[in-house]
């Protein structure tokens, strides 16, 4: 072998020996300083910007008792995105180095689309249009998800950390529906809902005309319908309207409007017994009681307005008498009377007769100008045991209602006569009959006044010579009611 090649080979062998010696010395030095080659498993973590409080040991899995963990440098809690965490584990005399990843999210709120089923934490929950699917996140406990656009505070567990977030319910999907053509009578209003079928949306949908059709123009016309949900999403539909026939000019009829009597601070059922009929078959009834104050005694006007599909309107008014006496005060006196005359097992007719007879025998007739409503009229009769026909009428009505007989109608002599007269119509299951407990003058023929038929009432006043006594306006009679002949 030539000297140059031999020298080159010797140098190579010397270099390899030195490298091996250096590795051996490094291992000896590494072990003398306490470092170990044993590795611990690390765990990548998630947090929220400016709200993350993870510690070094949170990144190590199955950390032995007594072992400690330190970060080479602390992560930046205000920096969104991924950060590499350098860790040193001290386990007895041994040290190991590790690395993990921390991902900080810009998370202050959550949003979900109404109609989605958020159970337990679906992809529909998004933030800044970035999907959170795959992130270890769950609700802590049940959540009352809003049924309409709005928000609610929720507690969320993000990778083991509790966070209070705002959950927004949003509706970004426009409503869906089918349009239908409509044929109707000339002059009849057709609501926009009539042109729409099968509305589908996660929230309530309002239907309206883009421009209301001309219901007075015969023939066909195009109709544009707008649908808008609670999220402000809109859908436009097109349909056709065909109008023909003769315009409807007949107004609706309101039945059963009567004056109302209520005690101080009492509750009023304005629509009870009130109905509307119209030749179209439908009509809307509105009640304006805005001027009534049941907390202040007095007389107030309530207005009833009926409107049919053609726009024909009828109004009727009634007086609401608010008494200075509470219903509890008059009820206390009334119940004492009823306890003395009503027996268990009585029929309604027997109860009505007992009331009629008690009032007729215990109230002395005395003319009076006071007509202050059922409550005060009944209370006056019970407290003083005297009064005129208004007192008899008021007290019998109150007692009848008190025992559950509600088929009672106020009757009054037709206006225009020198004196007024008040009585009742009562239906006890045998048709409507006149019910009058007011005692007659001695000049009058024998007269009981309990459940009189129409012919009996008219025969009495004819024999008496006062045919106007039971003369009344037909509109006082309830719709469909017929007085027994």
Protein backbone atom coordinates (compact mmCIF):
# COMPACT_ATOMS: atom_id res chain seq x y z
CA UNK A 1 0.00 0.00 0.00
CA UNK A 2 1.30 3.42 -0.92
CA UNK A 3 2.23 5.68 2.03
CA UNK A 4 -0.36 8.38 1.11
CA UNK A 5 -3.28 5.95 1.07
CA UNK A 6 -2.17 4.33 4.30
CA UNK A 7 -2.06 7.72 6.01
CA UNK A 8 -5.55 8.62 4.75
CA UNK A 9 -6.98 5.35 6.10
CA UNK A 10 -5.41 5.89 9.49
CA UNK A 11 -6.88 9.36 9.70
CA UNK A 12 -10.40 7.96 8.99
CA UNK A 13 -10.08 5.34 11.68
CA UNK A 14 -8.87 7.98 14.12
CA UNK A 15 -11.89 10.24 13.33
CA UNK A 16 -14.40 7.40 13.89
CA UNK A 17 -12.80 6.53 17.21
CA UNK A 18 -12.95 10.16 18.31
CA UNK A 19 -16.62 10.44 17.34
CA UNK A 20 -17.51 7.33 19.32
CA UNK A 21 -15.58 8.62 22.30
CA UNK A 22 -17.42 11.94 22.09
CA UNK A 23 -20.83 10.20 22.09
CA UNK A 24 -19.81 8.11 25.09
CA UNK A 25 -18.59 11.14 26.98
CA UNK A 26 -21.90 12.99 26.09
CA UNK A 27 -23.99 10.14 27.49
CA UNK A 28 -21.92 10.05 30.67
CA UNK A 29 -22.23 13.82 31.06
CA UNK A 30 -26.06 13.79 30.27
CA UNK A 31 -26.65 11.12 32.93
CA UNK A 32 -24.44 12.89 35.45
CA UNK A 33 -26.63 16.03 35.06
CA UNK A 34 -29.87 14.04 35.70
CA UNK A 35 -31.35 14.05 32.17
CA UNK A 36 -33.19 10.92 31.02
CA UNK A 37 -34.20 9.63 27.62
CA UNK A 38 -37.56 8.42 29.00
CA UNK A 39 -40.40 10.43 27.37
CA UNK A 40 -43.84 11.37 28.76
CA UNK A 41 -46.87 11.64 26.52
CA UNK A 42 -47.96 15.21 25.84
CA UNK A 43 -51.43 16.59 25.09
CA UNK A 44 -52.27 19.40 22.69
CA UNK A 45 -54.73 21.85 24.26
CA UNK A 46 -57.31 24.50 23.30
CA UNK A 47 -58.08 27.81 24.98
CA UNK A 48 -59.62 31.23 24.40
CA UNK A 49 -57.65 34.42 23.82
CA UNK A 50 -57.20 36.41 27.05
CA UNK A 51 -59.15 33.80 29.01
CA UNK A 52 -56.74 30.86 29.02
CA UNK A 53 -55.20 29.78 32.35
CA UNK A 54 -53.62 26.44 31.41
CA UNK A 55 -50.59 25.39 33.47
CA UNK A 56 -47.51 23.49 32.37
CA UNK A 57 -48.71 20.20 33.89
CA UNK A 58 -51.96 20.46 31.85
CA UNK A 59 -49.97 19.49 28.75
CA UNK A 60 -48.54 16.19 30.19
CA UNK A 61 -50.50 12.95 30.30
CA UNK A 62 -50.26 10.67 33.37
CA UNK A 63 -47.77 12.79 35.28
CA UNK A 64 -46.33 10.71 38.17
CA UNK A 65 -46.82 11.84 41.75
CA UNK A 66 -44.03 14.11 42.86
CA UNK A 67 -42.99 15.02 39.34
CA UNK A 68 -42.95 18.68 38.31
CA UNK A 69 -43.30 20.41 34.97
CA UNK A 70 -41.95 23.76 33.87
CA UNK A 71 -42.31 25.75 30.66
CA UNK A 72 -39.19 26.89 28.92
CA UNK A 73 -41.14 30.09 28.25
CA UNK A 74 -44.78 30.95 28.94
CA UNK A 75 -47.25 31.09 26.08
CA UNK A 76 -48.76 34.41 24.99
CA UNK A 77 -52.45 34.34 26.18
CA UNK A 78 -53.37 37.25 23.88
CA UNK A 79 -52.06 35.70 20.68
CA UNK A 80 -54.63 33.75 18.66
CA UNK A 81 -53.63 30.67 16.71
CA UNK A 82 -51.17 27.88 17.45
CA UNK A 83 -48.20 28.19 19.82
CA UNK A 84 -45.51 25.58 20.56
CA UNK A 85 -45.07 24.90 24.27
CA UNK A 86 -41.60 23.76 25.43
CA UNK A 87 -41.74 21.71 28.63
CA UNK A 88 -39.25 20.21 31.09
CA UNK A 89 -40.37 17.38 33.38
CA UNK A 90 -38.41 16.79 36.61
CA UNK A 91 -39.11 13.27 37.90
CA UNK A 92 -36.80 12.61 40.80
CA UNK A 93 -33.25 13.10 39.51
CA UNK A 94 -34.28 12.63 35.93
CA UNK A 95 -35.27 15.38 33.53
CA UNK A 96 -36.95 15.10 30.13
CA UNK A 97 -37.78 17.66 27.48
CA UNK A 98 -41.13 17.72 25.63
CA UNK A 99 -43.18 19.90 23.33
CA UNK A 100 -46.95 20.38 22.85
CA UNK A 101 -49.27 22.66 20.88
CA UNK A 102 -51.71 25.25 22.29
CA UNK A 103 -54.42 26.66 20.02
CA UNK A 104 -56.03 29.87 21.24
CA UNK A 105 -59.43 30.82 19.76
CA UNK A 106 -61.03 34.24 19.44
CA UNK A 107 -64.24 33.05 21.07
CA UNK A 108 -66.78 35.30 22.79
CA UNK A 109 -70.07 34.01 21.39
CA UNK A 110 -71.70 31.15 19.55
CA UNK A 111 -74.34 31.22 16.86
CA UNK A 112 -76.73 28.62 15.58
CA UNK A 113 -79.29 28.56 12.82
CA UNK A 114 -82.88 28.32 14.00
CA UNK A 115 -84.36 25.02 12.99
CA UNK A 116 -81.12 23.13 13.57
CA UNK A 117 -81.09 20.65 16.44
CA UNK A 118 -78.11 21.62 18.64
CA UNK A 119 -77.55 18.31 20.42
CA UNK A 120 -75.10 18.11 21.99
CA UNK A 121 -72.88 20.55 20.10
CA UNK A 122 -73.48 20.42 16.36
CA UNK A 123 -71.54 21.80 13.42
CA UNK A 124 -74.29 24.41 13.12
CA UNK A 125 -72.69 26.28 16.03
CA UNK A 126 -70.20 28.58 14.36
CA UNK A 127 -68.10 31.60 15.23
CA UNK A 128 -66.93 34.15 12.70
CA UNK A 129 -68.15 31.75 10.01
CA UNK A 130 -65.52 29.21 11.11
CA UNK A 131 -66.76 25.77 11.98
CA UNK A 132 -65.97 24.56 15.49
CA UNK A 133 -66.54 20.90 14.70
CA UNK A 134 -63.82 18.68 16.15
CA UNK A 135 -62.95 21.01 19.01
CA UNK A 136 -63.54 19.39 22.44
CA UNK A 137 -66.46 21.54 23.50
CA UNK A 138 -69.79 20.83 25.23
CA UNK A 139 -72.54 22.61 27.12
CA UNK A 140 -72.58 22.32 30.89
CA UNK A 141 -76.10 21.22 31.68
CA UNK A 142 -79.28 21.75 29.63
CA UNK A 143 -79.65 24.88 27.51
CA UNK A 144 -82.90 26.68 26.73
CA UNK A 145 -82.29 27.41 23.07
CA UNK A 146 -84.21 30.48 21.83
CA UNK A 147 -87.14 29.67 19.55
CA UNK A 148 -86.84 33.02 17.78
CA UNK A 149 -83.92 35.31 16.93
CA UNK A 150 -82.30 36.36 20.18
CA UNK A 151 -79.59 35.41 22.63
CA UNK A 152 -79.02 33.57 25.90
CA UNK A 153 -76.03 33.19 28.22
CA UNK A 154 -74.63 29.63 28.30
CA UNK A 155 -71.86 27.85 30.20
CA UNK A 156 -69.53 25.92 27.88
CA UNK A 157 -66.82 23.41 28.70
CA UNK A 158 -63.94 23.95 26.23
CA UNK A 159 -61.27 21.29 26.60
CA UNK A 160 -62.03 21.04 30.32
CA UNK A 161 -62.24 24.81 30.89
CA UNK A 162 -65.51 26.56 31.86
CA UNK A 163 -66.48 29.57 29.75
CA UNK A 164 -69.52 31.84 29.93
CA UNK A 165 -70.52 32.69 26.35
CA UNK A 166 -73.42 34.36 24.59
CA UNK A 167 -75.38 32.01 22.36
CA UNK A 168 -77.12 33.80 19.47
CA UNK A 169 -80.04 32.24 17.62
CA UNK A 170 -80.06 33.45 14.04
CA UNK A 171 -82.40 32.97 11.12
CA UNK A 172 -80.74 33.41 7.76
CA UNK A 173 -82.96 31.09 5.73
CA UNK A 174 -85.87 32.70 3.84
CA UNK A 175 -89.31 31.13 4.18
CA UNK A 176 -90.62 28.65 1.62
CA UNK A 177 -94.22 28.38 0.43
CA UNK A 178 -96.46 27.59 -2.54
CA UNK A 179 -98.66 30.18 -4.24
CA UNK A 180 -102.25 29.52 -5.30
CA UNK A 181 -104.66 31.45 -7.52
CA UNK A 182 -107.88 32.73 -5.94
CA UNK A 183 -111.39 33.37 -7.28
CA UNK A 184 -113.69 35.61 -5.22
CA UNK A 185 -116.70 37.88 -5.35
CA UNK A 186 -116.36 41.43 -6.52
CA UNK A 187 -115.87 43.87 -3.67
CA UNK A 188 -114.90 41.20 -1.13
CA UNK A 189 -111.54 41.67 0.55
CA UNK A 190 -109.25 38.67 0.15
CA UNK A 191 -106.49 38.41 2.77
CA UNK A 192 -102.96 37.79 1.41
CA UNK A 193 -102.78 34.51 3.33
CA UNK A 194 -105.40 33.08 0.93
CA UNK A 195 -102.79 33.03 -1.84
CA UNK A 196 -100.25 31.01 0.14
CA UNK A 197 -100.03 27.36 1.13
CA UNK A 198 -97.46 25.13 2.86
CA UNK A 199 -95.40 27.83 4.57
CA UNK A 200 -92.16 26.38 5.95
CA UNK A 201 -89.80 28.34 8.18
CA UNK A 202 -88.13 28.05 11.58
CA UNK A 203 -89.87 31.22 12.85
CA UNK A 204 -93.20 32.97 12.49
CA UNK A 205 -93.87 34.29 8.98
CA UNK A 206 -95.77 37.46 8.12
CA UNK A 207 -97.70 37.44 4.83
CA UNK A 208 -98.61 40.72 3.12
CA UNK A 209 -99.34 42.22 -0.26
CA UNK A 210 -96.51 43.95 -2.07
CA UNK A 211 -99.36 46.09 -3.43
CA UNK A 212 -102.94 45.44 -2.44
CA UNK A 213 -105.19 44.37 -5.35
CA UNK A 214 -108.19 46.43 -6.46
CA UNK A 215 -111.14 44.43 -5.11
CA UNK A 216 -113.62 46.65 -6.94
CA UNK A 217 -112.30 45.76 -10.41
CA UNK A 218 -113.88 42.74 -12.07
CA UNK A 219 -111.73 40.29 -13.99
CA UNK A 220 -108.24 38.91 -13.49
CA UNK A 221 -105.23 40.69 -12.01
CA UNK A 222 -101.73 39.71 -10.95
CA UNK A 223 -100.92 39.64 -7.25
CA UNK A 224 -97.50 39.81 -5.62
CA UNK A 225 -97.22 38.37 -2.11
CA UNK A 226 -94.33 38.99 0.29
CA UNK A 227 -93.38 36.58 3.06
CA UNK A 228 -91.05 37.76 5.83
CA UNK A 229 -89.85 35.74 8.82
CA UNK A 230 -88.64 36.96 12.21
CA UNK A 231 -85.08 37.04 10.94
CA UNK A 232 -86.01 39.58 8.25
CA UNK A 233 -85.60 37.06 5.43
CA UNK A 234 -88.05 37.63 2.59
CA UNK A 235 -89.61 35.55 -0.17
CA UNK A 236 -91.76 36.87 -3.03
CA UNK A 237 -94.57 34.82 -4.60
CA UNK A 238 -96.81 35.60 -7.57
CA UNK A 239 -100.41 34.54 -8.07
CA UNK A 240 -103.60 35.59 -9.91
CA UNK A 241 -106.88 36.94 -8.52
CA UNK A 242 -110.19 36.62 -10.38
CA UNK A 243 -113.12 38.78 -9.22
CA UNK A 244 -116.68 38.51 -10.47
CA UNK A 245 -120.28 39.05 -9.39
CA UNK A 246 -122.09 41.95 -7.71
CA UNK A 247 -120.44 44.01 -4.95
CA UNK A 248 -121.61 43.29 -1.39
CA UNK A 249 -122.97 46.42 0.32
CA UNK A 250 -124.88 44.74 3.16
CA UNK A 251 -123.25 45.42 6.55
CA UNK A 252 -122.88 42.78 9.25
CA UNK A 253 -125.24 42.59 12.23
CA UNK A 254 -124.05 42.64 15.85
CA UNK A 255 -126.13 40.65 18.33
CA UNK A 256 -126.20 40.50 22.11
CA UNK A 257 -124.65 43.85 23.00
CA UNK A 258 -125.91 44.80 26.45
CA UNK A 259 -124.94 47.27 29.13
CA UNK A 260 -122.36 45.81 31.48
CA UNK A 261 -122.37 46.07 35.26
CA UNK A 262 -119.19 45.50 37.23
CA UNK A 263 -118.08 46.06 40.77
CA UNK A 264 -115.20 48.34 41.67
CA UNK A 265 -111.95 46.91 40.28
CA UNK A 266 -113.89 44.00 38.81
CA UNK A 267 -113.16 42.08 35.60
CA UNK A 268 -115.25 42.62 32.48
CA UNK A 269 -115.95 39.97 29.82
CA UNK A 270 -116.76 42.32 26.93
CA UNK A 271 -117.33 39.61 24.30
CA UNK A 272 -119.53 37.35 26.40
CA UNK A 273 -122.80 36.76 24.61
CA UNK A 274 -121.90 39.02 21.67
CA UNK A 275 -121.98 37.53 18.15
CA UNK A 276 -121.84 38.82 14.57
CA UNK A 277 -123.64 37.58 11.45
CA UNK A 278 -123.10 38.61 7.84
CA UNK A 279 -124.33 37.50 4.44
CA UNK A 280 -120.74 36.59 3.52
CA UNK A 281 -120.57 34.09 6.34
CA UNK A 282 -117.66 35.81 8.08
CA UNK A 283 -117.07 39.09 9.86
CA UNK A 284 -114.50 40.36 12.33
CA UNK A 285 -115.49 41.91 15.65
CA UNK A 286 -113.32 44.45 17.44
CA UNK A 287 -114.02 45.78 20.93
CA UNK A 288 -112.75 49.20 22.03
CA UNK A 289 -112.81 49.37 25.83
CA UNK A 290 -109.95 51.85 26.11
CA UNK A 291 -112.13 54.41 27.88
CA UNK A 292 -113.25 52.04 30.63
CA UNK A 293 -111.61 52.37 34.05
CA UNK A 294 -112.93 49.78 36.49
CA UNK A 295 -110.88 51.38 39.23
CA UNK A 296 -113.07 54.50 39.25
CA UNK A 297 -116.86 54.42 39.73
CA UNK A 298 -118.82 55.83 36.83
CA UNK A 299 -120.36 55.16 33.44
CA UNK A 300 -118.15 54.34 30.47
CA UNK A 301 -118.77 53.57 26.81
CA UNK A 302 -117.49 50.45 25.10
CA UNK A 303 -117.71 50.29 21.29
CA UNK A 304 -118.19 47.14 19.19
CA UNK A 305 -117.20 47.29 15.51
CA UNK A 306 -117.98 44.52 13.01
CA UNK A 307 -116.37 44.45 9.55
CA UNK A 308 -117.18 42.00 6.77
CA UNK A 309 -114.82 40.93 3.96
CA UNK A 310 -116.24 43.64 1.66
CA UNK A 311 -115.37 46.36 4.12
CA UNK A 312 -118.94 47.03 5.28
CA UNK A 313 -118.91 48.21 8.88
CA UNK A 314 -121.44 48.16 11.73
CA UNK A 315 -120.90 49.65 15.18
CA UNK A 316 -122.75 49.24 18.45
CA UNK A 317 -122.15 50.73 21.87
CA UNK A 318 -122.89 49.69 25.42
CA UNK A 319 -122.51 51.39 28.76
CA UNK A 320 -120.22 49.92 31.38
CA UNK A 321 -121.45 50.78 34.86
CA UNK A 322 -118.61 50.64 37.37
CA UNK A 323 -120.05 50.59 40.86
CA UNK A 324 -118.56 52.23 43.91
CA UNK A 325 -119.26 48.92 45.65
CA UNK A 326 -117.04 45.92 45.16
CA UNK A 327 -118.54 42.66 44.02
CA UNK A 328 -117.35 41.06 47.25
CA UNK A 329 -119.56 43.41 49.26
CA UNK A 330 -122.76 42.63 47.36
CA UNK A 331 -121.88 38.92 47.08
CA UNK A 332 -121.66 38.63 50.86
CA UNK A 333 -125.23 39.91 51.29
CA UNK A 334 -126.53 37.93 48.31
CA UNK A 335 -125.08 34.64 49.55
CA UNK A 336 -126.86 35.00 52.88
CA UNK A 337 -130.18 35.24 51.03
CA UNK A 338 -129.38 32.30 48.77
CA UNK A 339 -128.36 30.13 51.70
CA UNK A 340 -131.84 30.62 53.14
CA UNK A 341 -133.84 29.83 49.98
CA UNK A 342 -131.78 27.42 47.84
CA UNK A 343 -131.83 23.74 48.75
CA UNK A 344 -129.48 21.01 47.47
CA UNK A 345 -130.86 19.18 44.44
CA UNK A 346 -133.02 22.05 43.23
CA UNK A 347 -133.48 22.40 39.47
CA UNK A 348 -132.69 25.70 37.77
CA UNK A 349 -136.42 26.39 37.47
CA UNK A 350 -136.92 25.82 41.20
CA UNK A 351 -133.98 28.10 41.99
CA UNK A 352 -135.30 30.81 39.67
CA UNK A 353 -138.76 30.57 41.28
CA UNK A 354 -137.34 30.79 44.82
CA UNK A 355 -135.36 33.91 43.85
CA UNK A 356 -138.38 35.45 42.14
CA UNK A 357 -140.61 34.91 45.15
CA UNK A 358 -138.05 36.14 47.70
CA UNK A 359 -137.41 39.39 45.83
CA UNK A 360 -141.12 39.99 45.24
CA UNK A 361 -142.00 39.47 48.93
CA UNK A 362 -138.98 41.12 50.62
CA UNK A 363 -138.50 44.29 48.54
CA UNK A 364 -141.03 47.07 49.07
CA UNK A 365 -141.84 49.13 45.98
CA UNK A 366 -140.58 52.73 46.16
CA UNK A 367 -140.09 55.07 43.22
CA UNK A 368 -136.50 56.11 42.66
CA UNK A 369 -134.52 57.95 40.02
CA UNK A 370 -131.30 56.05 40.73
CA UNK A 371 -130.27 53.67 37.95
CA UNK A 372 -126.64 52.97 38.78
CA UNK A 373 -126.14 49.47 37.42
CA UNK A 374 -126.72 45.89 38.49
CA UNK A 375 -124.15 45.89 41.29
CA UNK A 376 -125.43 49.00 43.04
CA UNK A 377 -129.06 48.15 42.27
CA UNK A 378 -128.70 44.71 43.84
CA UNK A 379 -126.77 46.07 46.80
CA UNK A 380 -129.39 48.82 47.37
CA UNK A 381 -132.18 46.23 47.37
CA UNK A 382 -130.37 43.91 49.76
CA UNK A 383 -129.35 46.73 52.11
CA UNK A 384 -132.63 48.73 52.22
CA UNK A 385 -135.24 46.15 51.13
CA UNK A 386 -136.95 48.74 48.94
CA UNK A 387 -136.72 50.09 45.41
CA UNK A 388 -138.48 50.43 42.06
CA UNK A 389 -138.60 48.13 39.02
CA UNK A 390 -134.90 48.74 38.39
CA UNK A 391 -134.08 47.38 41.84
CA UNK A 392 -136.24 44.28 41.28
CA UNK A 393 -134.62 43.74 37.88
CA UNK A 394 -131.06 44.26 39.18
CA UNK A 395 -131.45 42.08 42.26
CA UNK A 396 -133.12 39.16 40.47
CA UNK A 397 -130.48 39.22 37.75
CA UNK A 398 -127.62 39.27 40.25
CA UNK A 399 -129.08 36.39 42.26
CA UNK A 400 -129.77 34.32 39.13
CA UNK A 401 -126.20 34.77 37.95
CA UNK A 402 -124.97 33.94 41.42
CA UNK A 403 -126.61 30.48 41.30
CA UNK A 404 -125.24 29.79 37.80
CA UNK A 405 -128.25 30.71 35.65
CA UNK A 406 -126.56 32.70 32.89
CA UNK A 407 -129.16 32.63 30.11
CA UNK A 408 -130.42 36.03 31.19
CA UNK A 409 -131.15 39.05 28.98
CA UNK A 410 -131.85 42.62 30.08
CA UNK A 411 -135.17 43.99 28.88
CA UNK A 412 -136.35 47.59 28.91
CA UNK A 413 -139.51 49.29 27.73
CA UNK A 414 -139.08 50.90 24.34
CA UNK A 415 -137.92 54.53 24.74
CA UNK A 416 -140.40 57.36 24.19
CA UNK A 417 -142.88 56.53 26.94
CA UNK A 418 -143.51 58.55 30.09
CA UNK A 419 -142.07 55.91 32.40
CA UNK A 420 -139.47 53.22 31.86
CA UNK A 421 -139.74 49.62 32.97
CA UNK A 422 -137.04 46.97 33.46
CA UNK A 423 -137.35 43.17 33.55
CA UNK A 424 -135.57 40.05 32.29
CA UNK A 425 -135.77 37.35 29.66
CA UNK A 426 -134.68 33.98 31.08
CA UNK A 427 -134.13 30.61 29.41
CA UNK A 428 -134.26 27.61 31.77
CA UNK A 429 -134.17 25.03 29.01
CA UNK A 430 -137.77 25.52 27.90
CA UNK A 431 -137.24 28.58 25.71
CA UNK A 432 -137.08 32.27 26.56
CA UNK A 433 -139.73 33.61 28.95
CA UNK A 434 -140.44 36.98 30.53
CA UNK A 435 -139.25 37.14 34.15
CA UNK A 436 -140.51 40.09 36.20
CA UNK A 437 -140.59 40.27 40.02
CA UNK A 438 -141.90 43.84 40.20
CA UNK A 439 -145.23 43.88 42.05
CA UNK A 440 -148.16 45.44 40.17
CA UNK A 441 -150.47 48.19 41.33
CA UNK A 442 -153.74 47.11 42.91
CA UNK A 443 -155.55 48.31 39.78
CA UNK A 444 -153.74 45.70 37.70
CA UNK A 445 -155.14 42.21 37.06
CA UNK A 446 -153.65 39.28 39.03
CA UNK A 447 -150.06 38.96 37.84
CA UNK A 448 -147.29 36.63 39.00
CA UNK A 449 -144.61 37.60 36.44
CA UNK A 450 -142.67 34.31 36.65
CA UNK A 451 -141.64 32.77 33.32
CA UNK A 452 -144.41 34.33 31.20
CA UNK A 453 -144.81 33.41 27.57
CA UNK A 454 -145.13 36.23 25.06
CA UNK A 455 -148.90 35.77 24.79
CA UNK A 456 -149.29 35.74 28.58
CA UNK A 457 -147.33 38.97 28.95
CA UNK A 458 -149.26 40.73 26.18
CA UNK A 459 -152.62 39.47 27.46
CA UNK A 460 -151.83 40.89 30.91
CA UNK A 461 -150.94 44.41 29.67
CA UNK A 462 -153.93 44.37 27.30
CA UNK A 463 -156.33 43.50 30.12
CA UNK A 464 -154.65 46.12 32.29
CA UNK A 465 -154.98 48.79 29.65
CA UNK A 466 -151.22 49.50 29.41
CA UNK A 467 -150.12 47.76 26.18
CA UNK A 468 -146.79 49.65 26.23
CA UNK A 469 -145.71 48.02 29.53
CA UNK A 470 -143.93 45.08 27.86
CA UNK A 471 -143.21 46.86 24.59
CA UNK A 472 -139.54 46.31 23.73
CA UNK A 473 -137.03 46.66 20.90
CA UNK A 474 -136.46 43.45 18.96
CA UNK A 475 -132.69 43.95 18.84
CA UNK A 476 -132.59 43.18 22.58
CA UNK A 477 -133.41 39.56 21.75
CA UNK A 478 -130.32 37.33 21.34
CA UNK A 479 -129.56 36.00 17.86
CA UNK A 480 -131.68 32.94 17.15
CA UNK A 481 -133.64 33.28 20.38
CA UNK A 482 -137.40 32.88 20.26
CA UNK A 483 -139.66 33.93 23.12
CA UNK A 484 -142.10 31.20 24.01
CA UNK A 485 -145.39 32.15 22.28
